PDB file of N, CA and C in Angstrom:
ATOM      1  N   MET A   1     -21.771 -12.868   8.693  1.00  0.00           N
ATOM      2  CA  MET A   1     -23.169 -13.091   8.874  1.00  0.00           C
ATOM      3  C   MET A   1     -23.888 -12.893   7.543  1.00  0.00           C
ATOM      4  N   PRO A   2     -24.068 -13.967   6.811  1.00  0.00           N
ATOM      5  CA  PRO A   2     -24.647 -13.880   5.461  1.00  0.00           C
ATOM      6  C   PRO A   2     -26.030 -13.248   5.399  1.00  0.00           C
ATOM      7  N   PHE A   3     -26.828 -13.351   6.460  1.00  0.00           N
ATOM      8  CA  PHE A   3     -28.182 -12.789   6.410  1.00  0.00           C
ATOM      9  C   PHE A   3     -28.161 -11.276   6.230  1.00  0.00           C
ATOM     10  N   LEU A   4     -27.063 -10.626   6.602  1.00  0.00           N
ATOM     11  CA  LEU A   4     -26.961  -9.172   6.435  1.00  0.00           C
ATOM     12  C   LEU A   4     -26.961  -8.768   4.965  1.00  0.00           C
ATOM     13  N   ASN A   5     -26.545  -9.686   4.086  1.00  0.00           N
ATOM     14  CA  ASN A   5     -26.550  -9.390   2.652  1.00  0.00           C
ATOM     15  C   ASN A   5     -27.960  -9.179   2.119  1.00  0.00           C
ATOM     16  N   TYR A   6     -28.967  -9.690   2.814  1.00  0.00           N
ATOM     17  CA  TYR A   6     -30.341  -9.607   2.343  1.00  0.00           C
ATOM     18  C   TYR A   6     -31.096  -8.389   2.878  1.00  0.00           C
ATOM     19  N   LEU A   7     -30.459  -7.605   3.730  1.00  0.00           N
ATOM     20  CA  LEU A   7     -31.110  -6.407   4.250  1.00  0.00           C
ATOM     21  C   LEU A   7     -31.253  -5.368   3.147  1.00  0.00           C
ATOM     22  N   PRO A   8     -32.365  -4.629   3.150  1.00  0.00           N
ATOM     23  CA  PRO A   8     -32.507  -3.546   2.162  1.00  0.00           C
ATOM     24  C   PRO A   8     -31.503  -2.425   2.445  1.00  0.00           C
ATOM     25  N   ALA A   9     -31.216  -1.636   1.433  1.00  0.00           N
ATOM     26  CA  ALA A   9     -30.176  -0.610   1.526  1.00  0.00           C
ATOM     27  C   ALA A   9     -30.424   0.390   2.657  1.00  0.00           C
ATOM     28  N   PHE A  10     -31.686   0.740   2.935  1.00  0.00           N
ATOM     29  CA  PHE A  10     -31.934   1.735   3.996  1.00  0.00           C
ATOM     30  C   PHE A  10     -31.618   1.182   5.386  1.00  0.00           C
ATOM     31  N   LEU A  11     -31.563  -0.152   5.542  1.00  0.00           N
ATOM     32  CA  LEU A  11     -31.176  -0.756   6.811  1.00  0.00           C
ATOM     33  C   LEU A  11     -29.697  -1.155   6.837  1.00  0.00           C
ATOM     34  N   ALA A  12     -29.041  -0.997   5.693  1.00  0.00           N
ATOM     35  CA  ALA A  12     -27.637  -1.413   5.586  1.00  0.00           C
ATOM     36  C   ALA A  12     -26.820  -0.291   4.939  1.00  0.00           C
ATOM     37  N   PRO A  13     -26.531   0.781   5.687  1.00  0.00           N
ATOM     38  CA  PRO A  13     -25.808   1.919   5.093  1.00  0.00           C
ATOM     39  C   PRO A  13     -24.406   1.552   4.610  1.00  0.00           C
ATOM     40  N   TRP A  14     -23.825   0.492   5.142  1.00  0.00           N
ATOM     41  CA  TRP A  14     -22.493   0.089   4.712  1.00  0.00           C
ATOM     42  C   TRP A  14     -22.490  -0.364   3.251  1.00  0.00           C
ATOM     43  N   LYS A  15     -23.643  -0.821   2.755  1.00  0.00           N
ATOM     44  CA  LYS A  15     -23.706  -1.229   1.348  1.00  0.00           C
ATOM     45  C   LYS A  15     -23.488  -0.018   0.435  1.00  0.00           C
ATOM     46  N   ARG A  16     -24.140   1.102   0.765  1.00  0.00           N
ATOM     47  CA  ARG A  16     -23.976   2.322  -0.029  1.00  0.00           C
ATOM     48  C   ARG A  16     -22.524   2.792   0.032  1.00  0.00           C
ATOM     49  N   TYR A  17     -21.968   2.779   1.242  1.00  0.00           N
ATOM     50  CA  TYR A  17     -20.571   3.189   1.421  1.00  0.00           C
ATOM     51  C   TYR A  17     -19.635   2.270   0.630  1.00  0.00           C
ATOM     52  N   GLY A  18     -19.888   0.972   0.692  1.00  0.00           N
ATOM     53  CA  GLY A  18     -19.081   0.017  -0.067  1.00  0.00           C
ATOM     54  C   GLY A  18     -19.183   0.245  -1.561  1.00  0.00           C
ATOM     55  N   ASP A  19     -20.391   0.538  -2.045  1.00  0.00           N
ATOM     56  CA  ASP A  19     -20.572   0.830  -3.466  1.00  0.00           C
ATOM     57  C   ASP A  19     -19.820   2.088  -3.873  1.00  0.00           C
ATOM     58  N   GLU A  20     -19.854   3.112  -3.012  1.00  0.00           N
ATOM     59  CA  GLU A  20     -19.128   4.346  -3.305  1.00  0.00           C
ATOM     60  C   GLU A  20     -17.624   4.089  -3.390  1.00  0.00           C
ATOM     61  N   LEU A  21     -17.108   3.306  -2.446  1.00  0.00           N
ATOM     62  CA  LEU A  21     -15.677   2.980  -2.475  1.00  0.00           C
ATOM     63  C   LEU A  21     -15.317   2.188  -3.725  1.00  0.00           C
ATOM     64  N   HIS A  22     -16.162   1.225  -4.057  1.00  0.00           N
ATOM     65  CA  HIS A  22     -15.899   0.411  -5.257  1.00  0.00           C
ATOM     66  C   HIS A  22     -15.888   1.290  -6.503  1.00  0.00           C
ATOM     67  N   ASN A  23     -16.884   2.168  -6.633  1.00  0.00           N
ATOM     68  CA  ASN A  23     -16.948   3.034  -7.813  1.00  0.00           C
ATOM     69  C   ASN A  23     -15.742   3.960  -7.898  1.00  0.00           C
ATOM     70  N   PHE A  24     -15.327   4.508  -6.763  1.00  0.00           N
ATOM     71  CA  PHE A  24     -14.152   5.378  -6.736  1.00  0.00           C
ATOM     72  C   PHE A  24     -12.899   4.604  -7.163  1.00  0.00           C
ATOM     73  N   GLU A  25     -12.700   3.439  -6.564  1.00  0.00           N
ATOM     74  CA  GLU A  25     -11.525   2.624  -6.875  1.00  0.00           C
ATOM     75  C   GLU A  25     -11.534   2.191  -8.340  1.00  0.00           C
ATOM     76  N   ALA A  26     -12.685   1.763  -8.832  1.00  0.00           N
ATOM     77  CA  ALA A  26     -12.793   1.331 -10.233  1.00  0.00           C
ATOM     78  C   ALA A  26     -12.440   2.476 -11.176  1.00  0.00           C
ATOM     79  N   GLU A  27     -12.905   3.687 -10.869  1.00  0.00           N
ATOM     80  CA  GLU A  27     -12.602   4.837 -11.716  1.00  0.00           C
ATOM     81  C   GLU A  27     -11.114   5.173 -11.687  1.00  0.00           C
ATOM     82  N   VAL A  28     -10.490   5.109 -10.512  1.00  0.00           N
ATOM     83  CA  VAL A  28      -9.054   5.380 -10.402  1.00  0.00           C
ATOM     84  C   VAL A  28      -8.268   4.365 -11.233  1.00  0.00           C
ATOM     85  N   TYR A  29      -8.576   3.090 -11.060  1.00  0.00           N
ATOM     86  CA  TYR A  29      -7.859   2.054 -11.812  1.00  0.00           C
ATOM     87  C   TYR A  29      -8.089   2.198 -13.316  1.00  0.00           C
ATOM     88  N   ALA A  30      -9.331   2.449 -13.719  1.00  0.00           N
ATOM     89  CA  ALA A  30      -9.640   2.582 -15.141  1.00  0.00           C
ATOM     90  C   ALA A  30      -8.940   3.802 -15.745  1.00  0.00           C
ATOM     91  N   ARG A  31      -8.959   4.927 -15.022  1.00  0.00           N
ATOM     92  CA  ARG A  31      -8.289   6.144 -15.515  1.00  0.00           C
ATOM     93  C   ARG A  31      -6.783   5.911 -15.654  1.00  0.00           C
ATOM     94  N   ASN A  32      -6.176   5.294 -14.645  1.00  0.00           N
ATOM     95  CA  ASN A  32      -4.738   5.014 -14.715  1.00  0.00           C
ATOM     96  C   ASN A  32      -4.424   4.097 -15.883  1.00  0.00           C
ATOM     97  N   MET A  33      -5.269   3.089 -16.106  1.00  0.00           N
ATOM     98  CA  MET A  33      -5.015   2.165 -17.218  1.00  0.00           C
ATOM     99  C   MET A  33      -5.143   2.890 -18.562  1.00  0.00           C
ATOM    100  N   ARG A  34      -6.156   3.732 -18.702  1.00  0.00           N
ATOM    101  CA  ARG A  34      -6.308   4.492 -19.954  1.00  0.00           C
ATOM    102  C   ARG A  34      -5.085   5.371 -20.200  1.00  0.00           C
ATOM    103  N   ASP A  35      -4.594   6.033 -19.154  1.00  0.00           N
ATOM    104  CA  ASP A  35      -3.404   6.875 -19.292  1.00  0.00           C
ATOM    105  C   ASP A  35      -2.193   6.055 -19.712  1.00  0.00           C
ATOM    106  N   GLU A  36      -2.038   4.891 -19.104  1.00  0.00           N
ATOM    107  CA  GLU A  36      -0.881   4.044 -19.426  1.00  0.00           C
ATOM    108  C   GLU A  36      -0.962   3.470 -20.839  1.00  0.00           C
ATOM    109  N   GLN A  37      -2.168   3.179 -21.302  1.00  0.00           N
ATOM    110  CA  GLN A  37      -2.308   2.638 -22.653  1.00  0.00           C
ATOM    111  C   GLN A  37      -1.947   3.661 -23.718  1.00  0.00           C
ATOM    112  N   LYS A  38      -2.011   4.936 -23.382  1.00  0.00           N
ATOM    113  CA  LYS A  38      -1.649   5.993 -24.329  1.00  0.00           C
ATOM    114  C   LYS A  38      -0.147   6.196 -24.421  1.00  0.00           C
ATOM    115  N   ARG A  39       0.589   5.720 -23.432  1.00  0.00           N
ATOM    116  CA  ARG A  39       2.039   5.928 -23.414  1.00  0.00           C
ATOM    117  C   ARG A  39       2.734   5.020 -24.425  1.00  0.00           C
ATOM    118  N   ALA A  40       3.879   5.492 -24.903  1.00  0.00           N
ATOM    119  CA  ALA A  40       4.667   4.689 -25.832  1.00  0.00           C
ATOM    120  C   ALA A  40       5.312   3.524 -25.087  1.00  0.00           C
ATOM    121  N   GLY A  41       5.584   2.472 -25.789  1.00  0.00           N
ATOM    122  CA  GLY A  41       6.239   1.313 -25.186  1.00  0.00           C
ATOM    123  C   GLY A  41       5.242   0.366 -24.550  1.00  0.00           C
ATOM    124  N   TRP A  42       5.761  -0.756 -24.099  1.00  0.00           N
ATOM    125  CA  TRP A  42       4.899  -1.779 -23.508  1.00  0.00           C
ATOM    126  C   TRP A  42       4.804  -1.578 -22.007  1.00  0.00           C
ATOM    127  N   ASN A  43       3.640  -1.878 -21.459  1.00  0.00           N
ATOM    128  CA  ASN A  43       3.448  -1.949 -20.019  1.00  0.00           C
ATOM    129  C   ASN A  43       2.301  -2.923 -19.761  1.00  0.00           C
ATOM    130  N   TRP A  44       2.063  -3.236 -18.501  1.00  0.00           N
ATOM    131  CA  TRP A  44       1.075  -4.263 -18.161  1.00  0.00           C
ATOM    132  C   TRP A  44      -0.326  -3.922 -18.629  1.00  0.00           C
ATOM    133  N   SER A  45      -0.646  -2.662 -18.773  1.00  0.00           N
ATOM    134  CA  SER A  45      -1.997  -2.303 -19.211  1.00  0.00           C
ATOM    135  C   SER A  45      -2.248  -2.719 -20.656  1.00  0.00           C
ATOM    136  N   LYS A  46      -1.184  -3.010 -21.401  1.00  0.00           N
ATOM    137  CA  LYS A  46      -1.331  -3.390 -22.807  1.00  0.00           C
ATOM    138  C   LYS A  46      -1.429  -4.898 -23.003  1.00  0.00           C
ATOM    139  N   ILE A  47      -1.517  -5.648 -21.922  1.00  0.00           N
ATOM    140  CA  ILE A  47      -1.645  -7.098 -22.028  1.00  0.00           C
ATOM    141  C   ILE A  47      -2.969  -7.479 -22.682  1.00  0.00           C
ATOM    142  N   LYS A  48      -3.917  -6.568 -22.662  1.00  0.00           N
ATOM    143  CA  LYS A  48      -5.230  -6.805 -23.268  1.00  0.00           C
ATOM    144  C   LYS A  48      -5.091  -7.171 -24.738  1.00  0.00           C
ATOM    145  N   GLU A  49      -4.067  -6.649 -25.391  1.00  0.00           N
ATOM    146  CA  GLU A  49      -3.871  -6.906 -26.806  1.00  0.00           C
ATOM    147  C   GLU A  49      -3.663  -8.390 -27.092  1.00  0.00           C
ATOM    148  N   SER A  50      -3.119  -9.130 -26.118  1.00  0.00           N
ATOM    149  CA  SER A  50      -2.839 -10.539 -26.359  1.00  0.00           C
ATOM    150  C   SER A  50      -3.825 -11.471 -25.677  1.00  0.00           C
ATOM    151  N   GLN A  51      -4.692 -10.956 -24.824  1.00  0.00           N
ATOM    152  CA  GLN A  51      -5.648 -11.796 -24.115  1.00  0.00           C
ATOM    153  C   GLN A  51      -7.004 -11.110 -24.101  1.00  0.00           C
ATOM    154  N   ASP A  52      -8.030 -11.917 -24.048  1.00  0.00           N
ATOM    155  CA  ASP A  52      -9.379 -11.364 -23.989  1.00  0.00           C
ATOM    156  C   ASP A  52      -9.770 -11.193 -22.526  1.00  0.00           C
ATOM    157  N   VAL A  53      -9.410 -10.033 -21.958  1.00  0.00           N
ATOM    158  CA  VAL A  53      -9.672  -9.733 -20.554  1.00  0.00           C
ATOM    159  C   VAL A  53     -10.605  -8.524 -20.504  1.00  0.00           C
ATOM    160  N   PRO A  54     -11.699  -8.613 -19.729  1.00  0.00           N
ATOM    161  CA  PRO A  54     -12.571  -7.433 -19.617  1.00  0.00           C
ATOM    162  C   PRO A  54     -11.786  -6.232 -19.084  1.00  0.00           C
ATOM    163  N   PRO A  55     -12.054  -5.042 -19.616  1.00  0.00           N
ATOM    164  CA  PRO A  55     -11.270  -3.858 -19.231  1.00  0.00           C
ATOM    165  C   PRO A  55     -11.238  -3.582 -17.729  1.00  0.00           C
ATOM    166  N   LEU A  56     -12.367  -3.718 -17.028  1.00  0.00           N
ATOM    167  CA  LEU A  56     -12.367  -3.429 -15.598  1.00  0.00           C
ATOM    168  C   LEU A  56     -11.538  -4.450 -14.829  1.00  0.00           C
ATOM    169  N   LYS A  57     -11.617  -5.720 -15.230  1.00  0.00           N
ATOM    170  CA  LYS A  57     -10.805  -6.745 -14.565  1.00  0.00           C
ATOM    171  C   LYS A  57      -9.324  -6.477 -14.797  1.00  0.00           C
ATOM    172  N   LEU A  58      -8.969  -6.122 -16.016  1.00  0.00           N
ATOM    173  CA  LEU A  58      -7.572  -5.795 -16.307  1.00  0.00           C
ATOM    174  C   LEU A  58      -7.120  -4.590 -15.494  1.00  0.00           C
ATOM    175  N   ALA A  59      -7.973  -3.571 -15.405  1.00  0.00           N
ATOM    176  CA  ALA A  59      -7.624  -2.376 -14.630  1.00  0.00           C
ATOM    177  C   ALA A  59      -7.392  -2.739 -13.166  1.00  0.00           C
ATOM    178  N   TYR A  60      -8.246  -3.581 -12.600  1.00  0.00           N
ATOM    179  CA  TYR A  60      -8.059  -4.009 -11.214  1.00  0.00           C
ATOM    180  C   TYR A  60      -6.785  -4.839 -11.062  1.00  0.00           C
ATOM    181  N   ASP A  61      -6.557  -5.785 -11.962  1.00  0.00           N
ATOM    182  CA  ASP A  61      -5.362  -6.640 -11.863  1.00  0.00           C
ATOM    183  C   ASP A  61      -4.084  -5.818 -11.918  1.00  0.00           C
ATOM    184  N   VAL A  62      -4.013  -4.905 -12.868  1.00  0.00           N
ATOM    185  CA  VAL A  62      -2.823  -4.067 -13.005  1.00  0.00           C
ATOM    186  C   VAL A  62      -2.691  -3.120 -11.807  1.00  0.00           C
ATOM    187  N   GLY A  63      -3.805  -2.518 -11.397  1.00  0.00           N
ATOM    188  CA  GLY A  63      -3.772  -1.585 -10.275  1.00  0.00           C
ATOM    189  C   GLY A  63      -3.369  -2.242  -8.964  1.00  0.00           C
ATOM    190  N   ILE A  64      -3.914  -3.416  -8.694  1.00  0.00           N
ATOM    191  CA  ILE A  64      -3.586  -4.114  -7.451  1.00  0.00           C
ATOM    192  C   ILE A  64      -2.135  -4.590  -7.468  1.00  0.00           C
ATOM    193  N   THR A  65      -1.668  -5.039  -8.621  1.00  0.00           N
ATOM    194  CA  THR A  65      -0.266  -5.455  -8.732  1.00  0.00           C
ATOM    195  C   THR A  65       0.658  -4.274  -8.464  1.00  0.00           C
ATOM    196  N   TYR A  66       0.334  -3.120  -9.033  1.00  0.00           N
ATOM    197  CA  TYR A  66       1.128  -1.917  -8.800  1.00  0.00           C
ATOM    198  C   TYR A  66       1.117  -1.547  -7.321  1.00  0.00           C
ATOM    199  N   GLU A  67      -0.079  -1.556  -6.715  1.00  0.00           N
ATOM    200  CA  GLU A  67      -0.184  -1.205  -5.297  1.00  0.00           C
ATOM    201  C   GLU A  67       0.633  -2.147  -4.418  1.00  0.00           C
ATOM    202  N   ALA A  68       0.594  -3.427  -4.738  1.00  0.00           N
ATOM    203  CA  ALA A  68       1.344  -4.391  -3.931  1.00  0.00           C
ATOM    204  C   ALA A  68       2.829  -4.053  -3.935  1.00  0.00           C
ATOM    205  N   GLY A  69       3.364  -3.750  -5.109  1.00  0.00           N
ATOM    206  CA  GLY A  69       4.779  -3.410  -5.197  1.00  0.00           C
ATOM    207  C   GLY A  69       5.118  -2.080  -4.561  1.00  0.00           C
ATOM    208  N   SER A  70       4.295  -1.080  -4.809  1.00  0.00           N
ATOM    209  CA  SER A  70       4.615   0.248  -4.269  1.00  0.00           C
ATOM    210  C   SER A  70       4.393   0.308  -2.764  1.00  0.00           C
ATOM    211  N   ASP A  71       3.368  -0.372  -2.271  1.00  0.00           N
ATOM    212  CA  ASP A  71       3.108  -0.344  -0.821  1.00  0.00           C
ATOM    213  C   ASP A  71       4.219  -1.025  -0.037  1.00  0.00           C
ATOM    214  N   THR A  72       4.696  -2.166  -0.518  1.00  0.00           N
ATOM    215  CA  THR A  72       5.739  -2.870   0.233  1.00  0.00           C
ATOM    216  C   THR A  72       7.038  -2.071   0.236  1.00  0.00           C
ATOM    217  N   THR A  73       7.357  -1.441  -0.871  1.00  0.00           N
ATOM    218  CA  THR A  73       8.566  -0.618  -0.926  1.00  0.00           C
ATOM    219  C   THR A  73       8.434   0.571   0.019  1.00  0.00           C
ATOM    220  N   THR A  74       7.289   1.222  -0.014  1.00  0.00           N
ATOM    221  CA  THR A  74       7.062   2.369   0.861  1.00  0.00           C
ATOM    222  C   THR A  74       7.160   1.963   2.326  1.00  0.00           C
ATOM    223  N   MET A  75       6.539   0.848   2.673  1.00  0.00           N
ATOM    224  CA  MET A  75       6.561   0.407   4.071  1.00  0.00           C
ATOM    225  C   MET A  75       7.977   0.061   4.515  1.00  0.00           C
ATOM    226  N   ALA A  76       8.738  -0.604   3.654  1.00  0.00           N
ATOM    227  CA  ALA A  76      10.111  -0.949   4.010  1.00  0.00           C
ATOM    228  C   ALA A  76      10.944   0.306   4.231  1.00  0.00           C
ATOM    229  N   MET A  77      10.766   1.307   3.371  1.00  0.00           N
ATOM    230  CA  MET A  77      11.512   2.554   3.534  1.00  0.00           C
ATOM    231  C   MET A  77      11.086   3.286   4.804  1.00  0.00           C
ATOM    232  N   GLU A  78       9.791   3.275   5.115  1.00  0.00           N
ATOM    233  CA  GLU A  78       9.315   3.933   6.339  1.00  0.00           C
ATOM    234  C   GLU A  78       9.932   3.289   7.578  1.00  0.00           C
ATOM    235  N   VAL A  79       9.970   1.963   7.606  1.00  0.00           N
ATOM    236  CA  VAL A  79      10.552   1.258   8.756  1.00  0.00           C
ATOM    237  C   VAL A  79      12.043   1.556   8.846  1.00  0.00           C
ATOM    238  N   PHE A  80      12.745   1.532   7.711  1.00  0.00           N
ATOM    239  CA  PHE A  80      14.174   1.819   7.701  1.00  0.00           C
ATOM    240  C   PHE A  80      14.449   3.224   8.237  1.00  0.00           C
ATOM    241  N   ILE A  81      13.699   4.208   7.769  1.00  0.00           N
ATOM    242  CA  ILE A  81      13.903   5.592   8.222  1.00  0.00           C
ATOM    243  C   ILE A  81      13.563   5.726   9.703  1.00  0.00           C
ATOM    244  N   MET A  82      12.473   5.093  10.130  1.00  0.00           N
ATOM    245  CA  MET A  82      12.083   5.164  11.538  1.00  0.00           C
ATOM    246  C   MET A  82      13.174   4.555  12.431  1.00  0.00           C
ATOM    247  N   GLU A  83      13.692   3.398  12.050  1.00  0.00           N
ATOM    248  CA  GLU A  83      14.733   2.749  12.843  1.00  0.00           C
ATOM    249  C   GLU A  83      16.012   3.574  12.854  1.00  0.00           C
ATOM    250  N   THR A  84      16.335   4.174  11.722  1.00  0.00           N
ATOM    251  CA  THR A  84      17.534   5.005  11.655  1.00  0.00           C
ATOM    252  C   THR A  84      17.391   6.239  12.541  1.00  0.00           C
ATOM    253  N   VAL A  85      16.217   6.851  12.529  1.00  0.00           N
ATOM    254  CA  VAL A  85      15.979   8.019  13.383  1.00  0.00           C
ATOM    255  C   VAL A  85      16.013   7.615  14.853  1.00  0.00           C
ATOM    256  N   LEU A  86      15.367   6.492  15.193  1.00  0.00           N
ATOM    257  CA  LEU A  86      15.297   6.062  16.592  1.00  0.00           C
ATOM    258  C   LEU A  86      16.647   5.608  17.139  1.00  0.00           C
ATOM    259  N   TYR A  87      17.406   4.871  16.324  1.00  0.00           N
ATOM    260  CA  TYR A  87      18.639   4.269  16.823  1.00  0.00           C
ATOM    261  C   TYR A  87      19.902   4.909  16.271  1.00  0.00           C
ATOM    262  N   GLY A  88      19.756   5.925  15.438  1.00  0.00           N
ATOM    263  CA  GLY A  88      20.887   6.701  14.966  1.00  0.00           C
ATOM    264  C   GLY A  88      21.861   5.919  14.094  1.00  0.00           C
ATOM    265  N   ALA A  89      23.084   6.350  14.152  1.00  0.00           N
ATOM    266  CA  ALA A  89      24.127   5.812  13.276  1.00  0.00           C
ATOM    267  C   ALA A  89      24.485   4.366  13.584  1.00  0.00           C
ATOM    268  N   THR A  90      24.099   3.846  14.737  1.00  0.00           N
ATOM    269  CA  THR A  90      24.451   2.454  15.058  1.00  0.00           C
ATOM    270  C   THR A  90      23.544   1.457  14.359  1.00  0.00           C
ATOM    271  N   TYR A  91      22.385   1.900  13.868  1.00  0.00           N
ATOM    272  CA  TYR A  91      21.402   0.976  13.295  1.00  0.00           C
ATOM    273  C   TYR A  91      21.893   0.317  12.016  1.00  0.00           C
ATOM    274  N   VAL A  92      22.396   1.102  11.062  1.00  0.00           N
ATOM    275  CA  VAL A  92      22.786   0.549   9.763  1.00  0.00           C
ATOM    276  C   VAL A  92      23.930  -0.450   9.884  1.00  0.00           C
ATOM    277  N   PRO A  93      25.044  -0.121  10.543  1.00  0.00           N
ATOM    278  CA  PRO A  93      26.118  -1.120  10.655  1.00  0.00           C
ATOM    279  C   PRO A  93      25.678  -2.380  11.401  1.00  0.00           C
ATOM    280  N   LYS A  94      24.884  -2.217  12.459  1.00  0.00           N
ATOM    281  CA  LYS A  94      24.408  -3.368  13.224  1.00  0.00           C
ATOM    282  C   LYS A  94      23.527  -4.251  12.342  1.00  0.00           C
ATOM    283  N   THR A  95      22.625  -3.641  11.582  1.00  0.00           N
ATOM    284  CA  THR A  95      21.734  -4.398  10.703  1.00  0.00           C
ATOM    285  C   THR A  95      22.524  -5.096   9.606  1.00  0.00           C
ATOM    286  N   ARG A  96      23.516  -4.405   9.041  1.00  0.00           N
ATOM    287  CA  ARG A  96      24.341  -5.009   7.999  1.00  0.00           C
ATOM    288  C   ARG A  96      25.080  -6.227   8.549  1.00  0.00           C
ATOM    289  N   LYS A  97      25.632  -6.105   9.747  1.00  0.00           N
ATOM    290  CA  LYS A  97      26.359  -7.219  10.363  1.00  0.00           C
ATOM    291  C   LYS A  97      25.414  -8.400  10.610  1.00  0.00           C
ATOM    292  N   GLU A  98      24.222  -8.129  11.154  1.00  0.00           N
ATOM    293  CA  GLU A  98      23.270  -9.198  11.430  1.00  0.00           C
ATOM    294  C   GLU A  98      22.792  -9.873  10.153  1.00  0.00           C
ATOM    295  N   SER A  99      22.529  -9.111   9.115  1.00  0.00           N
ATOM    296  CA  SER A  99      22.052  -9.717   7.872  1.00  0.00           C
ATOM    297  C   SER A  99      23.147 -10.526   7.196  1.00  0.00           C
ATOM    298  N   THR A 100      24.402 -10.068   7.296  1.00  0.00           N
ATOM    299  CA  THR A 100      25.518 -10.827   6.736  1.00  0.00           C
ATOM    300  C   THR A 100      25.693 -12.137   7.487  1.00  0.00           C
ATOM    301  N   MET A 101      25.602 -12.089   8.808  1.00  0.00           N
ATOM    302  CA  MET A 101      25.715 -13.317   9.595  1.00  0.00           C
ATOM    303  C   MET A 101      24.586 -14.282   9.237  1.00  0.00           C
ATOM    304  N   GLN A 102      23.382 -13.756   9.050  1.00  0.00           N
ATOM    305  CA  GLN A 102      22.230 -14.593   8.698  1.00  0.00           C
ATOM    306  C   GLN A 102      22.439 -15.246   7.346  1.00  0.00           C
ATOM    307  N   SER A 103      22.867 -14.471   6.354  1.00  0.00           N
ATOM    308  CA  SER A 103      23.026 -15.035   5.018  1.00  0.00           C
ATOM    309  C   SER A 103      24.209 -15.995   4.942  1.00  0.00           C
ATOM    310  N   ASP A 104      25.233 -15.771   5.773  1.00  0.00           N
ATOM    311  CA  ASP A 104      26.383 -16.677   5.768  1.00  0.00           C
ATOM    312  C   ASP A 104      26.046 -18.027   6.391  1.00  0.00           C
ATOM    313  N   THR A 105      25.095 -18.062   7.302  1.00  0.00           N
ATOM    314  CA  THR A 105      24.781 -19.314   8.003  1.00  0.00           C
ATOM    315  C   THR A 105      23.539 -20.006   7.459  1.00  0.00           C
ATOM    316  N   THR A 106      22.864 -19.389   6.510  1.00  0.00           N
ATOM    317  CA  THR A 106      21.640 -19.975   5.959  1.00  0.00           C
ATOM    318  C   THR A 106      21.961 -20.692   4.663  1.00  0.00           C
ATOM    319  N   GLU A 107      21.476 -21.923   4.551  1.00  0.00           N
ATOM    320  CA  GLU A 107      21.652 -22.650   3.296  1.00  0.00           C
ATOM    321  C   GLU A 107      20.369 -22.521   2.496  1.00  0.00           C
ATOM    322  N   TYR A 108      20.473 -21.893   1.346  1.00  0.00           N
ATOM    323  CA  TYR A 108      19.309 -21.658   0.518  1.00  0.00           C
ATOM    324  C   TYR A 108      19.112 -22.842  -0.425  1.00  0.00           C
ATOM    325  N   PRO A 109      17.862 -23.101  -0.839  1.00  0.00           N
ATOM    326  CA  PRO A 109      17.614 -24.226  -1.745  1.00  0.00           C
ATOM    327  C   PRO A 109      18.289 -24.006  -3.085  1.00  0.00           C
ATOM    328  N   ARG A 110      18.753 -25.061  -3.655  1.00  0.00           N
ATOM    329  CA  ARG A 110      19.414 -25.009  -4.961  1.00  0.00           C
ATOM    330  C   ARG A 110      18.423 -25.353  -6.060  1.00  0.00           C
ATOM    331  N   ALA A 111      18.638 -24.773  -7.216  1.00  0.00           N
ATOM    332  CA  ALA A 111      17.800 -25.108  -8.363  1.00  0.00           C
ATOM    333  C   ALA A 111      18.125 -26.524  -8.808  1.00  0.00           C
ATOM    334  N   PRO A 112      17.135 -27.273  -9.271  1.00  0.00           N
ATOM    335  CA  PRO A 112      17.416 -28.632  -9.736  1.00  0.00           C
ATOM    336  C   PRO A 112      18.345 -28.594 -10.948  1.00  0.00           C
ATOM    337  N   THR A 113      19.191 -29.575 -11.033  1.00  0.00           N
ATOM    338  CA  THR A 113      20.113 -29.633 -12.171  1.00  0.00           C
ATOM    339  C   THR A 113      19.497 -30.479 -13.274  1.00  0.00           C
ATOM    340  N   SER A 114      19.871 -30.161 -14.472  1.00  0.00           N
ATOM    341  CA  SER A 114      19.411 -30.921 -15.632  1.00  0.00           C
ATOM    342  C   SER A 114      20.499 -30.831 -16.693  1.00  0.00           C
ATOM    343  N   PRO A 115      20.372 -31.609 -17.747  1.00  0.00           N
ATOM    344  CA  PRO A 115      21.373 -31.521 -18.823  1.00  0.00           C
ATOM    345  C   PRO A 115      21.453 -30.133 -19.442  1.00  0.00           C
ATOM    346  N   LEU A 116      20.416 -29.316 -19.269  1.00  0.00           N
ATOM    347  CA  LEU A 116      20.405 -27.985 -19.867  1.00  0.00           C
ATOM    348  C   LEU A 116      20.788 -26.883 -18.882  1.00  0.00           C
ATOM    349  N   SER A 117      21.223 -27.270 -17.680  1.00  0.00           N
ATOM    350  CA  SER A 117      21.525 -26.285 -16.635  1.00  0.00           C
ATOM    351  C   SER A 117      22.576 -25.278 -17.058  1.00  0.00           C
ATOM    352  N   HIS A 118      23.497 -25.683 -17.919  1.00  0.00           N
ATOM    353  CA  HIS A 118      24.564 -24.778 -18.329  1.00  0.00           C
ATOM    354  C   HIS A 118      24.045 -23.630 -19.193  1.00  0.00           C
ATOM    355  N   MET A 119      22.782 -23.705 -19.658  1.00  0.00           N
ATOM    356  CA  MET A 119      22.247 -22.715 -20.581  1.00  0.00           C
ATOM    357  C   MET A 119      21.705 -21.480 -19.853  1.00  0.00           C
ATOM    358  N   TRP A 120      21.566 -21.524 -18.541  1.00  0.00           N
ATOM    359  CA  TRP A 120      21.054 -20.377 -17.825  1.00  0.00           C
ATOM    360  C   TRP A 120      21.891 -20.106 -16.615  1.00  0.00           C
ATOM    361  N   LYS A 121      21.907 -18.872 -16.216  1.00  0.00           N
ATOM    362  CA  LYS A 121      22.657 -18.475 -15.027  1.00  0.00           C
ATOM    363  C   LYS A 121      21.689 -17.817 -14.058  1.00  0.00           C
ATOM    364  N   PRO A 122      21.664 -18.270 -12.823  1.00  0.00           N
ATOM    365  CA  PRO A 122      20.772 -17.620 -11.865  1.00  0.00           C
ATOM    366  C   PRO A 122      21.268 -16.213 -11.564  1.00  0.00           C
ATOM    367  N   LEU A 123      20.341 -15.348 -11.177  1.00  0.00           N
ATOM    368  CA  LEU A 123      20.703 -13.972 -10.864  1.00  0.00           C
ATOM    369  C   LEU A 123      21.428 -13.880  -9.552  1.00  0.00           C
TER     370      LEU A 123
END
């Protein structure tokens, strides 16, 4: 409902709450990026050196990328542990058997061939 964007702040308390969340998140991302830029070696926070990216945008990009990777790993581990606790020792062998059967019967797409195909090896 776009008309809600035009309400004054005293009639729209969610705007204040949203601003507080944004400021908190921006500070967390900016602080993490500053800490990472001080570390030796290369990391994603140092991409600024090669591109003209505003610091807050870079902090958000790096922070969201990190969260995406860490959240999915955490969730996968939580599900694995939950299933193992619920179904005990039968869960892992059963899952391994099912995944092996799935991968044995699935034909995955092949990379296109070219005269230079011999120069690289897929992982």
